[in-house]
Amino acid sequence: MDGFDNLSASEKAEATELQRLIAIEQQKAQFQAQVHNFTDVCWDKCVDSPGSKLDYRTETCLVSCVERFIDTTLTITNRFTQMVQKGTH
């Protein structure tokens, strides 16, 4: 039972579309939260004293920090995907 049994076909389609839009918005929120996390951690790690512009060392540190976070996130995501796929076969 999916909770849509008493709905017309058009109402079911609307409900399905609404669920899809909600899922998209949740993904956007997760992405924004991840960006916020990168910003906090990398800022604390790389920026000694804020100025009017970033010096080369600070910019390089920030880029490297974010790239490490992205690589780590992708590695963990891929590992979980592999675990789930092995568990379903």
PDB file of N, CA and C in Angstrom:
ATOM      1  N   MET A   1       0.829  -1.187   0.000  1.00  0.00           N
ATOM      2  CA  MET A   1       0.000   0.000   0.000  1.00  0.00           C
ATOM      3  C   MET A   1       0.872   1.247   0.000  1.00  0.00           C
ATOM      4  N   ASP A   2       0.661   2.156  -0.939  1.00  0.00           N
ATOM      5  CA  ASP A   2       1.512   3.330  -1.032  1.00  0.00           C
ATOM      6  C   ASP A   2       0.855   4.596  -0.491  1.00  0.00           C
ATOM      7  N   GLY A   3      -0.379   4.503   0.013  1.00  0.00           N
ATOM      8  CA  GLY A   3      -1.054   5.679   0.532  1.00  0.00           C
ATOM      9  C   GLY A   3      -1.739   6.494  -0.541  1.00  0.00           C
ATOM     10  N   PHE A   4      -1.626   6.080  -1.801  1.00  0.00           N
ATOM     11  CA  PHE A   4      -2.231   6.795  -2.918  1.00  0.00           C
ATOM     12  C   PHE A   4      -3.427   6.040  -3.494  1.00  0.00           C
ATOM     13  N   ASP A   5      -3.895   4.983  -2.829  1.00  0.00           N
ATOM     14  CA  ASP A   5      -4.928   4.120  -3.386  1.00  0.00           C
ATOM     15  C   ASP A   5      -6.226   4.846  -3.690  1.00  0.00           C
ATOM     16  N   ASN A   6      -6.590   5.830  -2.886  1.00  0.00           N
ATOM     17  CA  ASN A   6      -7.870   6.518  -3.059  1.00  0.00           C
ATOM     18  C   ASN A   6      -7.782   7.746  -3.965  1.00  0.00           C
ATOM     19  N   LEU A   7      -6.650   7.962  -4.607  1.00  0.00           N
ATOM     20  CA  LEU A   7      -6.456   9.139  -5.452  1.00  0.00           C
ATOM     21  C   LEU A   7      -6.707   8.799  -6.917  1.00  0.00           C
ATOM     22  N   SER A   8      -7.131   9.813  -7.668  1.00  0.00           N
ATOM     23  CA  SER A   8      -7.295   9.635  -9.116  1.00  0.00           C
ATOM     24  C   SER A   8      -5.915   9.574  -9.758  1.00  0.00           C
ATOM     25  N   ALA A   9      -5.872   9.205 -11.022  1.00  0.00           N
ATOM     26  CA  ALA A   9      -4.604   9.103 -11.742  1.00  0.00           C
ATOM     27  C   ALA A   9      -3.877  10.449 -11.768  1.00  0.00           C
ATOM     28  N   SER A  10      -4.599  11.533 -11.990  1.00  0.00           N
ATOM     29  CA  SER A  10      -3.953  12.848 -12.039  1.00  0.00           C
ATOM     30  C   SER A  10      -3.451  13.255 -10.648  1.00  0.00           C
ATOM     31  N   GLU A  11      -4.202  12.906  -9.606  1.00  0.00           N
ATOM     32  CA  GLU A  11      -3.759  13.220  -8.249  1.00  0.00           C
ATOM     33  C   GLU A  11      -2.517  12.400  -7.885  1.00  0.00           C
ATOM     34  N   LYS A  12      -2.484  11.145  -8.333  1.00  0.00           N
ATOM     35  CA  LYS A  12      -1.304  10.304  -8.094  1.00  0.00           C
ATOM     36  C   LYS A  12      -0.084  10.890  -8.802  1.00  0.00           C
ATOM     37  N   ALA A  13      -0.299  11.354 -10.039  1.00  0.00           N
ATOM     38  CA  ALA A  13       0.802  11.955 -10.793  1.00  0.00           C
ATOM     39  C   ALA A  13       1.303  13.215 -10.096  1.00  0.00           C
ATOM     40  N   GLU A  14       0.387  14.029  -9.596  1.00  0.00           N
ATOM     41  CA  GLU A  14       0.769  15.244  -8.879  1.00  0.00           C
ATOM     42  C   GLU A  14       1.527  14.904  -7.596  1.00  0.00           C
ATOM     43  N   ALA A  15       1.051  13.893  -6.871  1.00  0.00           N
ATOM     44  CA  ALA A  15       1.718  13.486  -5.632  1.00  0.00           C
ATOM     45  C   ALA A  15       3.126  12.953  -5.921  1.00  0.00           C
ATOM     46  N   THR A  16       3.248  12.176  -6.990  1.00  0.00           N
ATOM     47  CA  THR A  16       4.556  11.645  -7.377  1.00  0.00           C
ATOM     48  C   THR A  16       5.504  12.778  -7.753  1.00  0.00           C
ATOM     49  N   GLU A  17       5.001  13.747  -8.507  1.00  0.00           N
ATOM     50  CA  GLU A  17       5.818  14.897  -8.895  1.00  0.00           C
ATOM     51  C   GLU A  17       6.231  15.701  -7.671  1.00  0.00           C
ATOM     52  N   LEU A  18       5.319  15.867  -6.730  1.00  0.00           N
ATOM     53  CA  LEU A  18       5.631  16.587  -5.504  1.00  0.00           C
ATOM     54  C   LEU A  18       6.729  15.861  -4.720  1.00  0.00           C
ATOM     55  N   GLN A  19       6.639  14.543  -4.641  1.00  0.00           N
ATOM     56  CA  GLN A  19       7.683  13.762  -3.965  1.00  0.00           C
ATOM     57  C   GLN A  19       9.030  13.941  -4.660  1.00  0.00           C
ATOM     58  N   ARG A  20       9.020  13.973  -5.986  1.00  0.00           N
ATOM     59  CA  ARG A  20      10.257  14.164  -6.747  1.00  0.00           C
ATOM     60  C   ARG A  20      10.854  15.540  -6.456  1.00  0.00           C
ATOM     61  N   LEU A  21      10.008  16.561  -6.431  1.00  0.00           N
ATOM     62  CA  LEU A  21      10.493  17.918  -6.155  1.00  0.00           C
ATOM     63  C   LEU A  21      11.036  18.038  -4.732  1.00  0.00           C
ATOM     64  N   ILE A  22      10.385  17.377  -3.792  1.00  0.00           N
ATOM     65  CA  ILE A  22      10.866  17.395  -2.415  1.00  0.00           C
ATOM     66  C   ILE A  22      12.235  16.723  -2.330  1.00  0.00           C
ATOM     67  N   ALA A  23      12.397  15.607  -3.022  1.00  0.00           N
ATOM     68  CA  ALA A  23      13.685  14.901  -3.025  1.00  0.00           C
ATOM     69  C   ALA A  23      14.785  15.789  -3.609  1.00  0.00           C
ATOM     70  N   ILE A  24      14.476  16.509  -4.668  1.00  0.00           N
ATOM     71  CA  ILE A  24      15.451  17.428  -5.279  1.00  0.00           C
ATOM     72  C   ILE A  24      15.839  18.520  -4.291  1.00  0.00           C
ATOM     73  N   GLU A  25      14.852  19.093  -3.607  1.00  0.00           N
ATOM     74  CA  GLU A  25      15.135  20.143  -2.637  1.00  0.00           C
ATOM     75  C   GLU A  25      15.961  19.613  -1.474  1.00  0.00           C
ATOM     76  N   GLN A  26      15.705  18.364  -1.056  1.00  0.00           N
ATOM     77  CA  GLN A  26      16.504  17.766   0.008  1.00  0.00           C
ATOM     78  C   GLN A  26      17.953  17.592  -0.439  1.00  0.00           C
ATOM     79  N   GLN A  27      18.150  17.198  -1.698  1.00  0.00           N
ATOM     80  CA  GLN A  27      19.507  17.056  -2.219  1.00  0.00           C
ATOM     81  C   GLN A  27      20.210  18.406  -2.266  1.00  0.00           C
ATOM     82  N   LYS A  28      19.486  19.448  -2.665  1.00  0.00           N
ATOM     83  CA  LYS A  28      20.071  20.794  -2.679  1.00  0.00           C
ATOM     84  C   LYS A  28      20.477  21.214  -1.268  1.00  0.00           C
ATOM     85  N   ALA A  29      19.621  20.939  -0.288  1.00  0.00           N
ATOM     86  CA  ALA A  29      19.917  21.300   1.099  1.00  0.00           C
ATOM     87  C   ALA A  29      21.143  20.543   1.602  1.00  0.00           C
ATOM     88  N   GLN A  30      21.268  19.264   1.247  1.00  0.00           N
ATOM     89  CA  GLN A  30      22.437  18.482   1.644  1.00  0.00           C
ATOM     90  C   GLN A  30      23.704  19.051   1.012  1.00  0.00           C
ATOM     91  N   PHE A  31      23.604  19.428  -0.241  1.00  0.00           N
ATOM     92  CA  PHE A  31      24.753  20.028  -0.929  1.00  0.00           C
ATOM     93  C   PHE A  31      25.171  21.325  -0.240  1.00  0.00           C
ATOM     94  N   GLN A  32      24.190  22.168   0.078  1.00  0.00           N
ATOM     95  CA  GLN A  32      24.499  23.443   0.743  1.00  0.00           C
ATOM     96  C   GLN A  32      25.120  23.206   2.113  1.00  0.00           C
ATOM     97  N   ALA A  33      24.638  22.206   2.832  1.00  0.00           N
ATOM     98  CA  ALA A  33      25.201  21.887   4.141  1.00  0.00           C
ATOM     99  C   ALA A  33      26.652  21.430   3.994  1.00  0.00           C
ATOM    100  N   GLN A  34      26.927  20.647   2.953  1.00  0.00           N
ATOM    101  CA  GLN A  34      28.290  20.176   2.716  1.00  0.00           C
ATOM    102  C   GLN A  34      29.210  21.351   2.376  1.00  0.00           C
ATOM    103  N   VAL A  35      28.741  22.252   1.545  1.00  0.00           N
ATOM    104  CA  VAL A  35      29.536  23.442   1.198  1.00  0.00           C
ATOM    105  C   VAL A  35      29.809  24.264   2.457  1.00  0.00           C
ATOM    106  N   HIS A  36      28.806  24.411   3.298  1.00  0.00           N
ATOM    107  CA  HIS A  36      28.971  25.156   4.548  1.00  0.00           C
ATOM    108  C   HIS A  36      30.028  24.482   5.429  1.00  0.00           C
ATOM    109  N   ASN A  37      29.983  23.162   5.492  1.00  0.00           N
ATOM    110  CA  ASN A  37      30.968  22.411   6.275  1.00  0.00           C
ATOM    111  C   ASN A  37      32.382  22.621   5.714  1.00  0.00           C
ATOM    112  N   PHE A  38      32.528  22.526   4.378  1.00  0.00           N
ATOM    113  CA  PHE A  38      33.834  22.772   3.746  1.00  0.00           C
ATOM    114  C   PHE A  38      34.341  24.156   4.122  1.00  0.00           C
ATOM    115  N   THR A  39      33.469  25.124   4.015  1.00  0.00           N
ATOM    116  CA  THR A  39      33.844  26.511   4.285  1.00  0.00           C
ATOM    117  C   THR A  39      34.339  26.674   5.715  1.00  0.00           C
ATOM    118  N   ASP A  40      33.585  26.135   6.661  1.00  0.00           N
ATOM    119  CA  ASP A  40      33.982  26.265   8.068  1.00  0.00           C
ATOM    120  C   ASP A  40      35.329  25.616   8.352  1.00  0.00           C
ATOM    121  N   VAL A  41      35.460  24.355   7.967  1.00  0.00           N
ATOM    122  CA  VAL A  41      36.679  23.611   8.279  1.00  0.00           C
ATOM    123  C   VAL A  41      37.886  24.213   7.573  1.00  0.00           C
ATOM    124  N   CYS A  42      37.742  24.464   6.281  1.00  0.00           N
ATOM    125  CA  CYS A  42      38.878  24.978   5.507  1.00  0.00           C
ATOM    126  C   CYS A  42      39.235  26.404   5.909  1.00  0.00           C
ATOM    127  N   TRP A  43      38.252  27.209   6.243  1.00  0.00           N
ATOM    128  CA  TRP A  43      38.536  28.573   6.705  1.00  0.00           C
ATOM    129  C   TRP A  43      39.362  28.520   7.982  1.00  0.00           C
ATOM    130  N   ASP A  44      38.910  27.701   8.940  1.00  0.00           N
ATOM    131  CA  ASP A  44      39.637  27.601  10.214  1.00  0.00           C
ATOM    132  C   ASP A  44      41.053  27.075  10.008  1.00  0.00           C
ATOM    133  N   LYS A  45      41.227  26.164   9.072  1.00  0.00           N
ATOM    134  CA  LYS A  45      42.532  25.556   8.826  1.00  0.00           C
ATOM    135  C   LYS A  45      43.476  26.503   8.076  1.00  0.00           C
ATOM    136  N   CYS A  46      42.955  27.262   7.136  1.00  0.00           N
ATOM    137  CA  CYS A  46      43.817  27.979   6.184  1.00  0.00           C
ATOM    138  C   CYS A  46      43.949  29.482   6.404  1.00  0.00           C
ATOM    139  N   VAL A  47      42.971  30.108   6.999  1.00  0.00           N
ATOM    140  CA  VAL A  47      42.984  31.574   7.071  1.00  0.00           C
ATOM    141  C   VAL A  47      43.458  32.015   8.458  1.00  0.00           C
ATOM    142  N   ASP A  48      44.643  32.620   8.483  1.00  0.00           N
ATOM    143  CA  ASP A  48      45.189  33.103   9.752  1.00  0.00           C
ATOM    144  C   ASP A  48      44.525  34.416  10.161  1.00  0.00           C
ATOM    145  N   SER A  49      44.550  35.376   9.253  1.00  0.00           N
ATOM    146  CA  SER A  49      43.914  36.666   9.520  1.00  0.00           C
ATOM    147  C   SER A  49      43.316  37.177   8.218  1.00  0.00           C
ATOM    148  N   PRO A  50      42.013  37.370   8.199  1.00  0.00           N
ATOM    149  CA  PRO A  50      41.363  37.819   6.959  1.00  0.00           C
ATOM    150  C   PRO A  50      41.840  39.208   6.551  1.00  0.00           C
ATOM    151  N   GLY A  51      42.005  39.375   5.260  1.00  0.00           N
ATOM    152  CA  GLY A  51      42.395  40.668   4.706  1.00  0.00           C
ATOM    153  C   GLY A  51      41.487  41.024   3.552  1.00  0.00           C
ATOM    154  N   SER A  52      41.880  42.003   2.792  1.00  0.00           N
ATOM    155  CA  SER A  52      41.043  42.445   1.678  1.00  0.00           C
ATOM    156  C   SER A  52      41.076  41.457   0.512  1.00  0.00           C
ATOM    157  N   LYS A  53      42.143  40.621   0.442  1.00  0.00           N
ATOM    158  CA  LYS A  53      42.203  39.565  -0.566  1.00  0.00           C
ATOM    159  C   LYS A  53      43.084  38.433  -0.053  1.00  0.00           C
ATOM    160  N   LEU A  54      42.911  37.261  -0.667  1.00  0.00           N
ATOM    161  CA  LEU A  54      43.660  36.091  -0.227  1.00  0.00           C
ATOM    162  C   LEU A  54      45.064  36.102  -0.803  1.00  0.00           C
ATOM    163  N   ASP A  55      46.036  35.769   0.040  1.00  0.00           N
ATOM    164  CA  ASP A  55      47.381  35.617  -0.493  1.00  0.00           C
ATOM    165  C   ASP A  55      47.499  34.234  -1.140  1.00  0.00           C
ATOM    166  N   TYR A  56      48.590  34.015  -1.828  1.00  0.00           N
ATOM    167  CA  TYR A  56      48.784  32.774  -2.585  1.00  0.00           C
ATOM    168  C   TYR A  56      48.727  31.548  -1.675  1.00  0.00           C
ATOM    169  N   ARG A  57      49.400  31.617  -0.521  1.00  0.00           N
ATOM    170  CA  ARG A  57      49.430  30.481   0.396  1.00  0.00           C
ATOM    171  C   ARG A  57      48.029  30.127   0.887  1.00  0.00           C
ATOM    172  N   THR A  58      47.260  31.132   1.261  1.00  0.00           N
ATOM    173  CA  THR A  58      45.904  30.895   1.766  1.00  0.00           C
ATOM    174  C   THR A  58      45.017  30.318   0.676  1.00  0.00           C
ATOM    175  N   GLU A  59      45.105  30.878  -0.516  1.00  0.00           N
ATOM    176  CA  GLU A  59      44.296  30.388  -1.630  1.00  0.00           C
ATOM    177  C   GLU A  59      44.642  28.935  -1.954  1.00  0.00           C
ATOM    178  N   THR A  60      45.931  28.632  -2.001  1.00  0.00           N
ATOM    179  CA  THR A  60      46.373  27.265  -2.276  1.00  0.00           C
ATOM    180  C   THR A  60      45.881  26.308  -1.192  1.00  0.00           C
ATOM    181  N   CYS A  61      45.965  26.721   0.056  1.00  0.00           N
ATOM    182  CA  CYS A  61      45.510  25.899   1.174  1.00  0.00           C
ATOM    183  C   CYS A  61      44.007  25.630   1.071  1.00  0.00           C
ATOM    184  N   LEU A  62      43.226  26.667   0.772  1.00  0.00           N
ATOM    185  CA  LEU A  62      41.778  26.502   0.659  1.00  0.00           C
ATOM    186  C   LEU A  62      41.414  25.536  -0.476  1.00  0.00           C
ATOM    187  N   VAL A  63      42.048  25.694  -1.625  1.00  0.00           N
ATOM    188  CA  VAL A  63      41.783  24.813  -2.765  1.00  0.00           C
ATOM    189  C   VAL A  63      42.136  23.375  -2.412  1.00  0.00           C
ATOM    190  N   SER A  64      43.293  23.185  -1.826  1.00  0.00           N
ATOM    191  CA  SER A  64      43.740  21.849  -1.452  1.00  0.00           C
ATOM    192  C   SER A  64      42.800  21.227  -0.413  1.00  0.00           C
ATOM    193  N   CYS A  65      42.393  22.006   0.559  1.00  0.00           N
ATOM    194  CA  CYS A  65      41.500  21.528   1.611  1.00  0.00           C
ATOM    195  C   CYS A  65      40.166  21.059   1.029  1.00  0.00           C
ATOM    196  N   VAL A  66      39.568  21.870   0.187  1.00  0.00           N
ATOM    197  CA  VAL A  66      38.282  21.505  -0.418  1.00  0.00           C
ATOM    198  C   VAL A  66      38.443  20.276  -1.313  1.00  0.00           C
ATOM    199  N   GLU A  67      39.519  20.218  -2.075  1.00  0.00           N
ATOM    200  CA  GLU A  67      39.745  19.055  -2.943  1.00  0.00           C
ATOM    201  C   GLU A  67      39.880  17.775  -2.121  1.00  0.00           C
ATOM    202  N   ARG A  68      40.548  17.847  -0.981  1.00  0.00           N
ATOM    203  CA  ARG A  68      40.673  16.668  -0.107  1.00  0.00           C
ATOM    204  C   ARG A  68      39.300  16.248   0.416  1.00  0.00           C
ATOM    205  N   PHE A  69      38.471  17.219   0.812  1.00  0.00           N
ATOM    206  CA  PHE A  69      37.124  16.899   1.278  1.00  0.00           C
ATOM    207  C   PHE A  69      36.313  16.227   0.177  1.00  0.00           C
ATOM    208  N   ILE A  70      36.391  16.763  -1.033  1.00  0.00           N
ATOM    209  CA  ILE A  70      35.636  16.195  -2.147  1.00  0.00           C
ATOM    210  C   ILE A  70      36.117  14.780  -2.443  1.00  0.00           C
ATOM    211  N   ASP A  71      37.437  14.587  -2.505  1.00  0.00           N
ATOM    212  CA  ASP A  71      37.983  13.248  -2.749  1.00  0.00           C
ATOM    213  C   ASP A  71      37.539  12.264  -1.678  1.00  0.00           C
ATOM    214  N   THR A  72      37.586  12.687  -0.430  1.00  0.00           N
ATOM    215  CA  THR A  72      37.184  11.817   0.676  1.00  0.00           C
ATOM    216  C   THR A  72      35.701  11.483   0.594  1.00  0.00           C
ATOM    217  N   THR A  73      34.881  12.483   0.317  1.00  0.00           N
ATOM    218  CA  THR A  73      33.436  12.260   0.201  1.00  0.00           C
ATOM    219  C   THR A  73      33.136  11.281  -0.927  1.00  0.00           C
ATOM    220  N   LEU A  74      33.794  11.453  -2.067  1.00  0.00           N
ATOM    221  CA  LEU A  74      33.576  10.537  -3.195  1.00  0.00           C
ATOM    222  C   LEU A  74      34.033   9.123  -2.860  1.00  0.00           C
ATOM    223  N   THR A  75      35.154   8.991  -2.181  1.00  0.00           N
ATOM    224  CA  THR A  75      35.654   7.674  -1.799  1.00  0.00           C
ATOM    225  C   THR A  75      34.677   6.977  -0.858  1.00  0.00           C
ATOM    226  N   ILE A  76      34.193   7.695   0.134  1.00  0.00           N
ATOM    227  CA  ILE A  76      33.237   7.113   1.083  1.00  0.00           C
ATOM    228  C   ILE A  76      31.938   6.751   0.377  1.00  0.00           C
ATOM    229  N   THR A  77      31.450   7.637  -0.478  1.00  0.00           N
ATOM    230  CA  THR A  77      30.211   7.367  -1.215  1.00  0.00           C
ATOM    231  C   THR A  77      30.364   6.133  -2.098  1.00  0.00           C
ATOM    232  N   ASN A  78      31.473   6.041  -2.808  1.00  0.00           N
ATOM    233  CA  ASN A  78      31.712   4.870  -3.661  1.00  0.00           C
ATOM    234  C   ASN A  78      31.800   3.593  -2.846  1.00  0.00           C
ATOM    235  N   ARG A  79      32.434   3.678  -1.694  1.00  0.00           N
ATOM    236  CA  ARG A  79      32.565   2.489  -0.829  1.00  0.00           C
ATOM    237  C   ARG A  79      31.197   2.039  -0.329  1.00  0.00           C
ATOM    238  N   PHE A  80      30.370   2.972   0.114  1.00  0.00           N
ATOM    239  CA  PHE A  80      29.021   2.609   0.557  1.00  0.00           C
ATOM    240  C   PHE A  80      28.201   2.021  -0.586  1.00  0.00           C
ATOM    241  N   THR A  81      28.358   2.571  -1.780  1.00  0.00           N
ATOM    242  CA  THR A  81      27.653   2.043  -2.947  1.00  0.00           C
ATOM    243  C   THR A  81      28.067   0.606  -3.208  1.00  0.00           C
ATOM    244  N   GLN A  82      29.355   0.341  -3.127  1.00  0.00           N
ATOM    245  CA  GLN A  82      29.851  -1.033  -3.315  1.00  0.00           C
ATOM    246  C   GLN A  82      29.290  -1.961  -2.250  1.00  0.00           C
ATOM    247  N   MET A  83      29.244  -1.509  -1.007  1.00  0.00           N
ATOM    248  CA  MET A  83      28.728  -2.335   0.075  1.00  0.00           C
ATOM    249  C   MET A  83      27.247  -2.650  -0.143  1.00  0.00           C
ATOM    250  N   VAL A  84      26.486  -1.657  -0.563  1.00  0.00           N
ATOM    251  CA  VAL A  84      25.054  -1.855  -0.807  1.00  0.00           C
ATOM    252  C   VAL A  84      24.844  -2.816  -1.967  1.00  0.00           C
ATOM    253  N   GLN A  85      25.627  -2.642  -3.037  1.00  0.00           N
ATOM    254  CA  GLN A  85      25.491  -3.527  -4.198  1.00  0.00           C
ATOM    255  C   GLN A  85      25.859  -4.957  -3.841  1.00  0.00           C
ATOM    256  N   LYS A  86      26.881  -5.162  -3.042  1.00  0.00           N
ATOM    257  CA  LYS A  86      27.259  -6.515  -2.622  1.00  0.00           C
ATOM    258  C   LYS A  86      26.198  -7.120  -1.728  1.00  0.00           C
ATOM    259  N   GLY A  87      25.552  -6.291  -0.931  1.00  0.00           N
ATOM    260  CA  GLY A  87      24.516  -6.772  -0.026  1.00  0.00           C
ATOM    261  C   GLY A  87      23.228  -7.162  -0.735  1.00  0.00           C
ATOM    262  N   THR A  88      22.994  -6.632  -1.929  1.00  0.00           N
ATOM    263  CA  THR A  88      21.767  -6.928  -2.663  1.00  0.00           C
ATOM    264  C   THR A  88      21.938  -8.071  -3.640  1.00  0.00           C
ATOM    265  N   HIS A  89      23.163  -8.532  -3.859  1.00  0.00           N
ATOM    266  CA  HIS A  89      23.380  -9.603  -4.838  1.00  0.00           C
ATOM    267  C   HIS A  89      23.580 -10.926  -4.141  1.00  0.00           C
TER     268      HIS A  89
END
